[in-house]
Amino acid sequence: MPLRRFTSICLRIAVVGVAVATTACSHRERMSPVLDAFERGRYDRAAGAMTELLSDRRESEKDRTLYELEGGLVYAAAGEPSLSTQALAAADARMWEYLDEAPDVRVSEQAVAILSNQTIIAYRGTTYDRILCSTYLALNHLAQGDLGSAGVSLRRALEWQRDAVEKNAKEIEALEQQAKSASASKSYDVGRATSDPALRRGLDSAYGPLRELPGYGEFEIPFATQLRGLHFTLVGGRSELEQATVAFRRVAGMLPEGERAPILADAAAAEAAALGGLRAPSVHVFLESGLGPRLEELRIDIPLFLRTVPYVGAAFPVLRRSDTAIEGFSLRAGGEAYAAALLTDMDRVVGDEFNRRLPAIITMTLVSSATKAIATYAIQDSLAKNNRDAAVLVAVLGGVYQFAVNRADLRIWSTLPKHVHYARCPAPVDGSVAIELADGQRLAPIAVESDGVTIVHIRASQAGAPPVVRTMRFPLSR
């Protein structure tokens, strides 16, 4: 091949690589204005940036589900419930379609991703994405007083959770099989690579702390189950109250003993009402604070088993936890104080699912990075025998291409909270409660139903940021 033509082809490859790199980090870059404003408590500004992002149709649709999930929480914090519901409903509909997609589509996507990176694959949502999307939809419906629609969304959240229990093992097995097949087809020995001492040290350092994060088991999210229990108590039939009792006890079983008191009180009240007693007026407060874990890229050298080039850098996704959440609150009513419990640690939720997929993630990263590097050096060695200039050009452009496409998939629902705290108390006769956040902020007075059930939902992006309060009041029908 003439050098001029060869140069042209290589330049095109390099350009494609740079384009792929731009796409690979597009979610993080494009979400940056939203997250910067959201974290500072500038929810209106975050919503404006979110609207601009969602309205830009020039970008590929492959990440749209994730942007809609982000929009659902940003709009809710900005006091735009209809936009929040619209975004979450769109994401929910997209993820529902992915559920029944033929598995061979994913196999073909993975084959192409090996030559570029995982970010070319459409974002389908994780199990916790799906459960929480339905849960936040239910919360929006409750804020509108629509118990029927809230019930539909909460049942859907439960369906997502049950589906994950039923199918996750098979999906993980399929992912790992794809990874093994990719390793075999590209003649790269992943087992030998992961036995390399340097690589093992790098992986242990990156993922060791993460592996110590226990999940809640069976893909459950206590926040979602607790809200489902409260919905049952609002509906108020005997069957619903019995289901509420079961839900509350299930939540209590997921929490440490020191965090169970308010949930066990809910269970006792629901059980008493199911046995023929009256539903007791009550107040239920949820505080969502901080931001959930983010994904960052970490470069680790991996072995190529080539004499001339023994190692090459590979990009791995690593979960990093934030530490800006408000660590609880105190609920005050009728002269009494009620401590909050840590209902859900989102680091545990996200970390559990990430850990389940981690072996396949590591294998695919190793195969993809090694395949591109080995191919580049093979071409370079072949050309070096006959055309030194072409070999140098391949080395330069091959390096550009590898740097461009060796990018970790950092897509994650960034606006989820770090912690969800919960407290409850009997409804005060004066119809008012006060909430003292652990960062010193005081929210009072908050009007509640003295003869009904009130749900107070608070979102604070970090300690010191202005919290957003939504109050949902439901008079009890006797």
Protein backbone atom coordinates (compact mmCIF):
# COMPACT_ATOMS: atom_id res chain seq x y z
CA MET A 1 0.00 0.00 0.00
CA PRO A 2 1.40 3.44 -0.89
CA LEU A 3 2.53 5.39 2.14
CA ARG A 4 0.30 8.33 1.25
CA ARG A 5 -2.82 6.19 1.16
CA PHE A 6 -1.77 4.39 4.31
CA THR A 7 -1.26 7.71 6.08
CA SER A 8 -4.75 8.81 5.08
CA ILE A 9 -6.31 5.63 6.46
CA CYS A 10 -4.42 5.92 9.74
CA LEU A 11 -5.44 9.53 10.15
CA ARG A 12 -9.06 8.55 9.68
CA ILE A 13 -8.69 5.86 12.33
CA ALA A 14 -7.20 8.39 14.74
CA VAL A 15 -10.02 10.86 14.07
CA VAL A 16 -12.59 8.13 14.75
CA GLY A 17 -10.80 7.32 17.99
CA VAL A 18 -10.90 10.91 19.18
CA ALA A 19 -14.59 11.10 18.27
CA VAL A 20 -15.29 7.96 20.31
CA ALA A 21 -13.42 9.45 23.27
CA THR A 22 -15.58 12.55 23.13
CA THR A 23 -18.71 10.42 23.16
CA ALA A 24 -17.37 8.23 25.95
CA CYS A 25 -17.16 11.03 28.47
CA SER A 26 -20.12 12.99 27.14
CA HIS A 27 -22.46 12.13 30.00
CA ARG A 28 -20.10 13.42 32.66
CA GLU A 29 -19.15 16.51 30.68
CA ARG A 30 -22.69 17.37 29.68
CA MET A 31 -24.04 16.79 33.21
CA SER A 32 -21.35 18.97 34.78
CA PRO A 33 -23.35 22.26 34.71
CA VAL A 34 -26.37 20.45 36.13
CA LEU A 35 -24.45 18.77 38.94
CA ASP A 36 -22.45 21.86 39.86
CA ALA A 37 -25.67 23.84 40.37
CA PHE A 38 -27.55 20.94 41.99
CA GLU A 39 -24.86 20.25 44.56
CA ARG A 40 -24.78 23.90 45.63
CA GLY A 41 -28.55 23.88 46.12
CA ARG A 42 -29.21 26.03 43.03
CA TYR A 43 -32.00 23.74 41.91
CA ASP A 44 -33.62 26.26 39.56
CA ARG A 45 -30.34 26.74 37.71
CA ALA A 46 -29.80 22.98 37.60
CA ALA A 47 -33.26 22.55 36.09
CA GLY A 48 -32.48 25.12 33.40
CA ALA A 49 -29.30 23.30 32.45
CA MET A 50 -31.19 20.01 32.49
CA THR A 51 -33.83 21.35 30.11
CA GLU A 52 -31.13 22.52 27.73
CA LEU A 53 -29.47 19.11 27.85
CA LEU A 54 -32.69 17.16 27.24
CA SER A 55 -33.76 19.41 24.38
CA ASP A 56 -30.48 18.90 22.48
CA ARG A 57 -31.31 16.13 20.04
CA ARG A 58 -28.00 16.33 18.18
CA GLU A 59 -26.49 13.81 20.55
CA SER A 60 -27.07 10.08 20.23
CA GLU A 61 -30.13 8.65 21.94
CA LYS A 62 -28.09 5.93 23.61
CA ASP A 63 -27.77 7.88 26.88
CA ARG A 64 -31.21 9.46 26.90
CA THR A 65 -32.64 7.11 29.53
CA LEU A 66 -29.97 8.25 31.95
CA TYR A 67 -30.60 11.94 31.23
CA GLU A 68 -34.31 11.41 31.85
CA LEU A 69 -33.57 9.77 35.20
CA GLU A 70 -31.39 12.74 36.14
CA GLY A 71 -34.09 15.14 34.99
CA GLY A 72 -36.68 13.42 37.17
CA LEU A 73 -34.81 14.29 40.37
CA VAL A 74 -33.55 17.69 39.25
CA TYR A 75 -37.03 18.91 38.29
CA ALA A 76 -38.54 17.59 41.52
CA ALA A 77 -35.99 19.54 43.58
CA ALA A 78 -36.67 22.64 41.47
CA GLY A 79 -40.41 22.50 42.19
CA GLU A 80 -41.38 21.30 38.71
CA PRO A 81 -43.41 18.14 39.51
CA SER A 82 -45.02 17.77 36.09
CA LEU A 83 -41.62 17.90 34.33
CA SER A 84 -40.23 15.46 36.90
CA THR A 85 -43.03 12.99 36.30
CA GLN A 86 -42.71 13.38 32.54
CA ALA A 87 -38.98 12.63 32.61
CA LEU A 88 -39.29 9.66 34.97
CA ALA A 89 -42.19 8.20 33.01
CA ALA A 90 -40.18 8.43 29.79
CA ALA A 91 -37.22 6.67 31.42
CA ASP A 92 -39.49 4.01 32.88
CA ALA A 93 -41.03 3.31 29.46
CA ARG A 94 -37.61 3.01 27.82
CA MET A 95 -36.29 0.63 30.46
CA TRP A 96 -39.42 -1.51 30.24
CA GLU A 97 -38.74 -2.07 26.54
CA TYR A 98 -35.15 -3.13 27.24
CA LEU A 99 -36.36 -5.80 29.64
CA ASP A 100 -37.57 -8.09 26.84
CA GLU A 101 -34.90 -7.29 24.27
CA ALA A 102 -33.36 -10.29 22.52
CA PRO A 103 -30.04 -11.25 24.17
CA ASP A 104 -28.21 -11.60 20.83
CA VAL A 105 -28.47 -7.83 20.40
CA ARG A 106 -26.27 -7.38 23.44
CA VAL A 107 -23.79 -9.95 22.15
CA SER A 108 -23.35 -8.01 18.91
CA GLU A 109 -22.98 -4.76 20.84
CA GLN A 110 -20.28 -6.29 23.03
CA ALA A 111 -18.40 -7.48 19.96
CA VAL A 112 -18.25 -3.94 18.60
CA ALA A 113 -17.47 -2.49 22.04
CA ILE A 114 -14.29 -4.58 22.27
CA LEU A 115 -12.84 -2.52 19.43
CA SER A 116 -13.86 0.78 21.02
CA ASN A 117 -15.34 0.87 24.54
CA GLN A 118 -18.47 0.11 26.56
CA THR A 119 -19.91 3.60 26.17
CA ILE A 120 -21.11 2.84 22.65
CA ILE A 121 -23.74 0.53 24.15
CA ALA A 122 -27.13 2.11 24.88
CA TYR A 123 -27.72 2.80 28.58
CA ARG A 124 -30.46 0.40 29.69
CA GLY A 125 -30.54 1.20 33.37
CA THR A 126 -29.44 -0.86 36.35
CA THR A 127 -31.83 -2.75 38.61
CA TYR A 128 -31.69 0.02 41.20
CA ASP A 129 -32.30 2.61 38.45
CA ARG A 130 -35.53 0.83 37.55
CA ILE A 131 -36.73 0.34 41.12
CA LEU A 132 -35.97 3.92 42.13
CA CYS A 133 -37.43 5.40 38.95
CA SER A 134 -40.77 3.77 39.81
CA THR A 135 -40.38 4.77 43.47
CA TYR A 136 -39.83 8.44 42.64
CA LEU A 137 -42.77 8.34 40.24
CA ALA A 138 -44.88 7.05 43.14
CA LEU A 139 -43.61 9.86 45.36
CA ASN A 140 -44.65 12.41 42.73
CA HIS A 141 -48.10 10.84 42.51
CA LEU A 142 -48.44 10.94 46.30
CA ALA A 143 -47.52 14.62 46.22
CA GLN A 144 -50.49 15.10 43.87
CA GLY A 145 -52.77 13.08 46.15
CA ASP A 146 -53.13 10.34 43.51
CA LEU A 147 -53.08 7.11 45.51
CA GLY A 148 -54.12 5.00 42.52
CA SER A 149 -51.21 6.02 40.29
CA ALA A 150 -48.83 5.82 43.24
CA GLY A 151 -49.92 2.23 43.80
CA VAL A 152 -49.29 1.34 40.16
CA SER A 153 -45.75 2.75 40.31
CA LEU A 154 -44.95 1.02 43.59
CA ARG A 155 -46.18 -2.32 42.23
CA ARG A 156 -43.92 -1.75 39.25
CA ALA A 157 -40.98 -1.12 41.57
CA LEU A 158 -41.72 -4.44 43.25
CA GLU A 159 -41.93 -6.15 39.84
CA TRP A 160 -38.50 -4.77 38.93
CA GLN A 161 -37.07 -6.12 42.16
CA ARG A 162 -38.63 -9.57 41.72
CA ASP A 163 -37.52 -9.69 38.10
CA ALA A 164 -33.95 -8.96 39.15
CA VAL A 165 -34.00 -11.80 41.68
CA GLU A 166 -35.33 -14.12 38.99
CA LYS A 167 -33.10 -13.09 36.10
CA ASN A 168 -29.96 -11.49 37.50
CA ALA A 169 -27.99 -14.70 37.98
CA LYS A 170 -28.65 -15.66 34.36
CA GLU A 171 -27.78 -12.16 33.13
CA ILE A 172 -24.52 -12.10 35.06
CA GLU A 173 -23.73 -15.58 33.77
CA ALA A 174 -24.41 -14.39 30.21
CA LEU A 175 -22.18 -11.33 30.67
CA GLU A 176 -19.38 -13.46 32.05
CA GLN A 177 -19.79 -15.93 29.19
CA GLN A 178 -19.58 -13.07 26.69
CA ALA A 179 -16.42 -11.91 28.41
CA LYS A 180 -14.90 -15.40 28.28
CA SER A 181 -15.87 -15.80 24.61
CA ALA A 182 -14.30 -12.45 23.82
CA SER A 183 -11.13 -13.52 25.60
CA ALA A 184 -10.97 -16.76 23.60
CA SER A 185 -11.76 -15.15 20.25
CA LYS A 186 -9.07 -12.51 20.72
CA SER A 187 -6.53 -15.04 22.04
CA TYR A 188 -5.91 -13.07 25.21
CA ASP A 189 -5.47 -15.15 28.36
CA VAL A 190 -7.47 -13.27 31.01
CA GLY A 191 -6.72 -15.87 33.67
CA ARG A 192 -2.99 -15.45 33.14
CA ALA A 193 -3.38 -11.66 33.11
CA THR A 194 -5.28 -11.52 36.40
CA SER A 195 -2.58 -13.68 37.99
CA ASP A 196 -0.01 -11.00 37.19
CA PRO A 197 1.16 -9.57 40.56
CA ALA A 198 1.21 -5.95 39.37
CA LEU A 199 -2.30 -6.15 37.96
CA ARG A 200 -3.61 -7.91 41.06
CA ARG A 201 -2.19 -5.17 43.27
CA GLY A 202 -3.82 -2.52 41.10
CA LEU A 203 -7.23 -4.24 41.11
CA ASP A 204 -7.12 -4.97 44.85
CA SER A 205 -6.28 -1.34 45.59
CA ALA A 206 -9.09 -0.08 43.35
CA TYR A 207 -11.83 -2.52 44.31
CA GLY A 208 -10.88 -3.87 47.73
CA PRO A 209 -12.83 -1.28 49.77
CA LEU A 210 -15.80 -1.58 47.41
CA ARG A 211 -16.06 -5.34 47.91
CA GLU A 212 -16.64 -4.72 51.62
CA LEU A 213 -19.90 -2.86 50.91
CA PRO A 214 -22.77 -5.26 51.68
CA GLY A 215 -26.05 -4.84 49.84
CA TYR A 216 -29.50 -5.19 51.38
CA GLY A 217 -30.06 -8.59 49.76
CA GLU A 218 -32.40 -9.73 46.99
CA PHE A 219 -32.04 -6.34 45.26
CA GLU A 220 -34.29 -4.68 47.83
CA ILE A 221 -34.08 -0.98 48.58
CA PRO A 222 -35.48 -0.21 52.06
CA PHE A 223 -36.67 3.26 50.97
CA ALA A 224 -38.83 1.74 48.21
CA THR A 225 -40.29 -0.96 50.47
CA GLN A 226 -40.99 1.54 53.26
CA LEU A 227 -42.85 3.83 50.89
CA ARG A 228 -44.88 0.87 49.64
CA GLY A 229 -45.85 0.07 53.22
CA LEU A 230 -46.96 3.66 53.82
CA HIS A 231 -49.05 3.57 50.66
CA PHE A 232 -50.81 0.46 51.93
CA THR A 233 -51.67 2.26 55.19
CA LEU A 234 -53.09 5.20 53.23
CA VAL A 235 -55.36 2.90 51.20
CA GLY A 236 -56.43 1.49 54.53
CA GLY A 237 -58.30 -1.74 53.80
CA ARG A 238 -57.66 -4.76 56.01
CA SER A 239 -55.71 -6.57 53.28
CA GLU A 240 -53.62 -3.46 52.60
CA LEU A 241 -52.89 -2.99 56.29
CA GLU A 242 -51.73 -6.59 56.56
CA GLN A 243 -49.44 -6.05 53.55
CA ALA A 244 -48.17 -2.85 55.16
CA THR A 245 -47.26 -4.79 58.29
CA VAL A 246 -45.31 -7.31 56.23
CA ALA A 247 -43.52 -4.54 54.29
CA PHE A 248 -42.50 -2.66 57.44
CA ARG A 249 -41.20 -5.80 59.12
CA ARG A 250 -39.24 -6.62 56.00
CA VAL A 251 -37.62 -3.19 56.10
CA ALA A 252 -36.80 -3.57 59.80
CA GLY A 253 -35.11 -6.88 59.02
CA MET A 254 -32.79 -5.15 56.55
CA LEU A 255 -31.56 -2.58 59.08
CA PRO A 256 -29.23 -2.76 62.07
CA GLU A 257 -31.04 -3.10 65.37
CA GLY A 258 -30.31 0.50 66.33
CA GLU A 259 -32.08 1.83 63.24
CA ARG A 260 -35.31 -0.18 63.51
CA ALA A 261 -37.38 1.76 66.06
CA PRO A 262 -39.46 4.00 63.75
CA ILE A 263 -40.10 1.19 61.28
CA LEU A 264 -41.18 -1.22 64.02
CA ALA A 265 -43.54 1.49 65.29
CA ASP A 266 -45.06 1.65 61.79
CA ALA A 267 -45.44 -2.14 61.79
CA ALA A 268 -47.16 -2.15 65.18
CA ALA A 269 -49.58 0.62 64.14
CA ALA A 270 -50.46 -1.16 60.87
CA GLU A 271 -50.95 -4.49 62.62
CA ALA A 272 -53.23 -2.94 65.26
CA ALA A 273 -55.34 -1.30 62.55
CA ALA A 274 -55.53 -4.56 60.58
CA LEU A 275 -56.86 -6.33 63.67
CA GLY A 276 -59.78 -3.91 63.86
CA GLY A 277 -58.36 -0.84 65.50
CA LEU A 278 -58.50 2.68 64.09
CA ARG A 279 -55.67 3.99 61.96
CA ALA A 280 -53.73 6.37 64.15
CA PRO A 281 -52.93 9.86 62.76
CA SER A 282 -49.20 10.07 62.14
CA VAL A 283 -46.38 12.03 60.54
CA HIS A 284 -43.66 10.39 58.43
CA VAL A 285 -40.51 12.27 57.42
CA PHE A 286 -37.95 11.26 54.79
CA LEU A 287 -34.68 13.16 54.39
CA GLU A 288 -32.67 12.50 51.24
CA SER A 289 -29.26 14.11 51.51
CA GLY A 290 -25.95 14.22 49.70
CA LEU A 291 -25.13 12.62 46.38
CA GLY A 292 -24.73 8.94 45.67
CA PRO A 293 -21.47 7.36 44.52
CA ARG A 294 -19.88 8.47 41.27
CA LEU A 295 -17.77 6.56 38.80
CA GLU A 296 -14.21 7.65 38.10
CA GLU A 297 -11.65 6.34 35.67
CA LEU A 298 -8.53 4.64 37.00
CA ARG A 299 -5.61 3.66 34.79
CA ILE A 300 -4.00 0.32 35.64
CA ASP A 301 -1.21 -1.36 33.67
CA ILE A 302 -2.20 -4.73 32.22
CA PRO A 303 0.15 -7.39 30.77
CA LEU A 304 0.28 -7.91 26.99
CA PHE A 305 2.73 -10.85 27.09
CA LEU A 306 4.79 -9.23 24.33
CA ARG A 307 8.55 -9.11 24.65
CA THR A 308 8.85 -5.58 23.27
CA VAL A 309 5.78 -4.17 25.05
CA PRO A 310 5.07 -6.07 28.27
CA TYR A 311 2.39 -3.71 29.66
CA VAL A 312 -0.16 -1.15 28.49
CA GLY A 313 -2.49 1.14 30.43
CA ALA A 314 -6.18 0.19 30.67
CA ALA A 315 -9.05 2.33 31.96
CA PHE A 316 -11.22 0.79 34.70
CA PRO A 317 -14.40 2.29 36.24
CA VAL A 318 -14.16 2.71 40.03
CA LEU A 319 -16.89 3.79 42.44
CA ARG A 320 -16.05 6.76 44.65
CA ARG A 321 -18.23 7.78 47.60
CA SER A 322 -19.08 11.33 48.55
CA ASP A 323 -19.05 12.56 52.15
CA THR A 324 -21.22 15.69 52.03
CA ALA A 325 -24.53 14.25 53.23
CA ILE A 326 -26.45 15.56 56.25
CA GLU A 327 -26.14 12.83 58.86
CA GLY A 328 -29.71 12.70 60.10
CA PHE A 329 -32.27 14.93 61.77
CA SER A 330 -34.56 15.23 64.76
CA LEU A 331 -38.34 15.45 64.46
CA ARG A 332 -40.11 17.52 67.13
CA ALA A 333 -43.84 17.45 67.76
CA GLY A 334 -46.05 18.05 70.78
CA GLY A 335 -43.09 18.76 73.03
CA GLU A 336 -41.39 15.44 72.18
CA ALA A 337 -38.32 14.68 70.05
CA TYR A 338 -38.08 11.71 67.72
CA ALA A 339 -34.73 10.57 66.33
CA ALA A 340 -34.30 9.59 62.71
CA ALA A 341 -32.98 6.24 61.50
CA LEU A 342 -30.73 5.62 58.51
CA LEU A 343 -33.26 3.97 56.23
CA THR A 344 -31.12 3.52 53.11
CA ASP A 345 -27.42 3.90 52.36
CA MET A 346 -27.32 4.34 48.58
CA ASP A 347 -23.62 3.46 48.51
CA ARG A 348 -24.64 -0.05 49.56
CA VAL A 349 -27.37 -0.26 46.93
CA VAL A 350 -25.13 0.88 44.07
CA GLY A 351 -22.06 -0.96 45.32
CA ASP A 352 -23.88 -4.28 45.60
CA GLU A 353 -24.96 -4.29 41.96
CA PHE A 354 -21.59 -2.98 40.77
CA ASN A 355 -19.83 -5.80 42.63
CA ARG A 356 -22.05 -8.39 40.98
CA ARG A 357 -21.00 -7.17 37.54
CA LEU A 358 -17.39 -6.44 38.41
CA PRO A 359 -15.80 -9.72 37.20
CA ALA A 360 -17.35 -9.25 33.74
CA ILE A 361 -16.38 -5.56 33.71
CA ILE A 362 -12.76 -6.43 34.49
CA THR A 363 -12.63 -9.15 31.85
CA MET A 364 -14.14 -7.00 29.10
CA THR A 365 -11.80 -4.13 29.97
CA LEU A 366 -8.77 -6.41 29.81
CA VAL A 367 -9.79 -7.97 26.49
CA SER A 368 -10.76 -4.68 24.88
CA SER A 369 -7.61 -2.82 25.93
CA ALA A 370 -5.27 -5.69 25.11
CA THR A 371 -6.88 -6.39 21.74
CA LYS A 372 -6.40 -2.84 20.49
CA ALA A 373 -2.84 -2.63 21.82
CA ILE A 374 -1.71 -6.00 20.44
CA ALA A 375 -3.24 -5.24 17.03
CA THR A 376 -1.43 -1.91 16.85
CA TYR A 377 1.94 -3.40 17.78
CA ALA A 378 1.46 -6.32 15.38
CA ILE A 379 0.92 -3.94 12.46
CA GLN A 380 3.84 -1.82 13.60
CA ASP A 381 6.20 -4.82 13.75
CA SER A 382 5.06 -6.05 10.35
CA LEU A 383 5.63 -2.69 8.70
CA ALA A 384 8.96 -2.11 10.41
CA LYS A 385 10.53 -4.81 8.24
CA ASN A 386 9.73 -3.02 4.99
CA ASN A 387 8.76 0.58 5.73
CA ARG A 388 10.26 2.23 8.79
CA ASP A 389 8.38 5.50 8.23
CA ALA A 390 5.04 3.69 8.05
CA ALA A 391 5.88 1.81 11.25
CA VAL A 392 6.60 5.06 13.06
CA LEU A 393 3.34 6.51 11.78
CA VAL A 394 1.39 3.47 13.00
CA ALA A 395 3.06 3.77 16.40
CA VAL A 396 2.02 7.42 16.72
CA LEU A 397 -1.50 7.05 15.36
CA GLY A 398 -2.02 3.75 17.15
CA GLY A 399 -1.15 5.46 20.40
CA VAL A 400 -3.61 8.24 19.65
CA TYR A 401 -6.33 5.71 18.86
CA GLN A 402 -5.71 3.65 22.00
CA PHE A 403 -5.68 6.73 24.19
CA ALA A 404 -8.90 7.92 22.57
CA VAL A 405 -10.91 4.72 22.85
CA ASN A 406 -9.51 3.29 26.08
CA ARG A 407 -12.11 4.99 28.23
CA ALA A 408 -14.05 3.51 31.13
CA ASP A 409 -17.84 3.62 31.13
CA LEU A 410 -18.61 6.25 33.79
CA ARG A 411 -22.35 6.53 33.23
CA ILE A 412 -24.29 6.50 36.50
CA TRP A 413 -27.40 8.19 37.96
CA SER A 414 -25.55 11.09 39.58
CA THR A 415 -28.37 12.93 41.39
CA LEU A 416 -29.41 10.05 43.62
CA PRO A 417 -28.95 10.76 47.34
CA LYS A 418 -26.23 9.25 49.46
CA HIS A 419 -28.50 8.63 52.45
CA VAL A 420 -32.22 8.42 53.16
CA HIS A 421 -33.09 9.02 56.82
CA TYR A 422 -36.55 8.39 58.27
CA ALA A 423 -38.53 9.35 61.36
CA ARG A 424 -42.16 9.15 62.40
CA CYS A 425 -44.32 10.42 65.23
CA PRO A 426 -47.98 10.58 66.27
CA ALA A 427 -49.75 13.52 64.62
CA PRO A 428 -49.66 16.50 67.02
CA VAL A 429 -52.98 18.06 67.97
CA ASP A 430 -51.69 21.53 67.08
CA GLY A 431 -51.05 20.44 63.48
CA SER A 432 -47.40 21.53 63.39
CA VAL A 433 -43.98 19.87 63.56
CA ALA A 434 -40.40 21.09 63.49
CA ILE A 435 -37.40 19.38 61.93
CA GLU A 436 -33.83 20.05 63.02
CA LEU A 437 -31.25 18.87 60.50
CA ALA A 438 -27.87 17.61 61.68
CA ASP A 439 -26.12 20.47 59.86
CA GLY A 440 -27.91 23.00 62.09
CA GLN A 441 -30.72 24.05 59.75
CA ARG A 442 -34.19 24.20 61.26
CA LEU A 443 -37.40 23.71 59.30
CA ALA A 444 -40.41 25.01 61.19
CA PRO A 445 -43.27 25.26 61.41
CA ILE A 446 -44.37 22.53 59.02
CA ALA A 447 -48.14 22.14 58.84
CA VAL A 448 -49.40 18.56 59.14
CA GLU A 449 -52.75 16.79 59.45
CA SER A 450 -53.77 16.52 63.08
CA ASP A 451 -56.36 13.89 62.18
CA GLY A 452 -54.67 12.19 59.26
CA VAL A 453 -51.38 10.99 57.78
CA THR A 454 -48.70 13.41 56.59
CA ILE A 455 -45.62 12.51 54.57
CA VAL A 456 -42.84 15.09 54.59
CA HIS A 457 -40.15 14.64 51.95
CA ILE A 458 -36.94 16.69 52.22
CA ARG A 459 -34.14 16.83 49.65
CA ALA A 460 -30.82 18.47 50.51
CA SER A 461 -27.95 18.07 48.06
CA GLN A 462 -25.30 18.50 50.76
CA ALA A 463 -24.78 19.79 54.30
CA GLY A 464 -25.44 23.52 54.35
CA ALA A 465 -27.36 23.56 51.07
CA PRO A 466 -30.95 24.83 51.21
CA PRO A 467 -33.33 21.90 51.58
CA VAL A 468 -36.46 21.44 49.47
CA VAL A 469 -39.55 20.36 51.43
CA ARG A 470 -42.63 18.66 50.01
CA THR A 471 -45.58 17.99 52.32
CA MET A 472 -48.24 15.41 51.44
CA ARG A 473 -51.33 15.45 53.63
CA PHE A 474 -53.97 12.72 53.71
CA PRO A 475 -57.02 13.09 56.03
CA LEU A 476 -58.14 9.74 57.47
CA SER A 477 -61.61 8.54 56.55
CA ARG A 478 -63.17 6.82 59.55
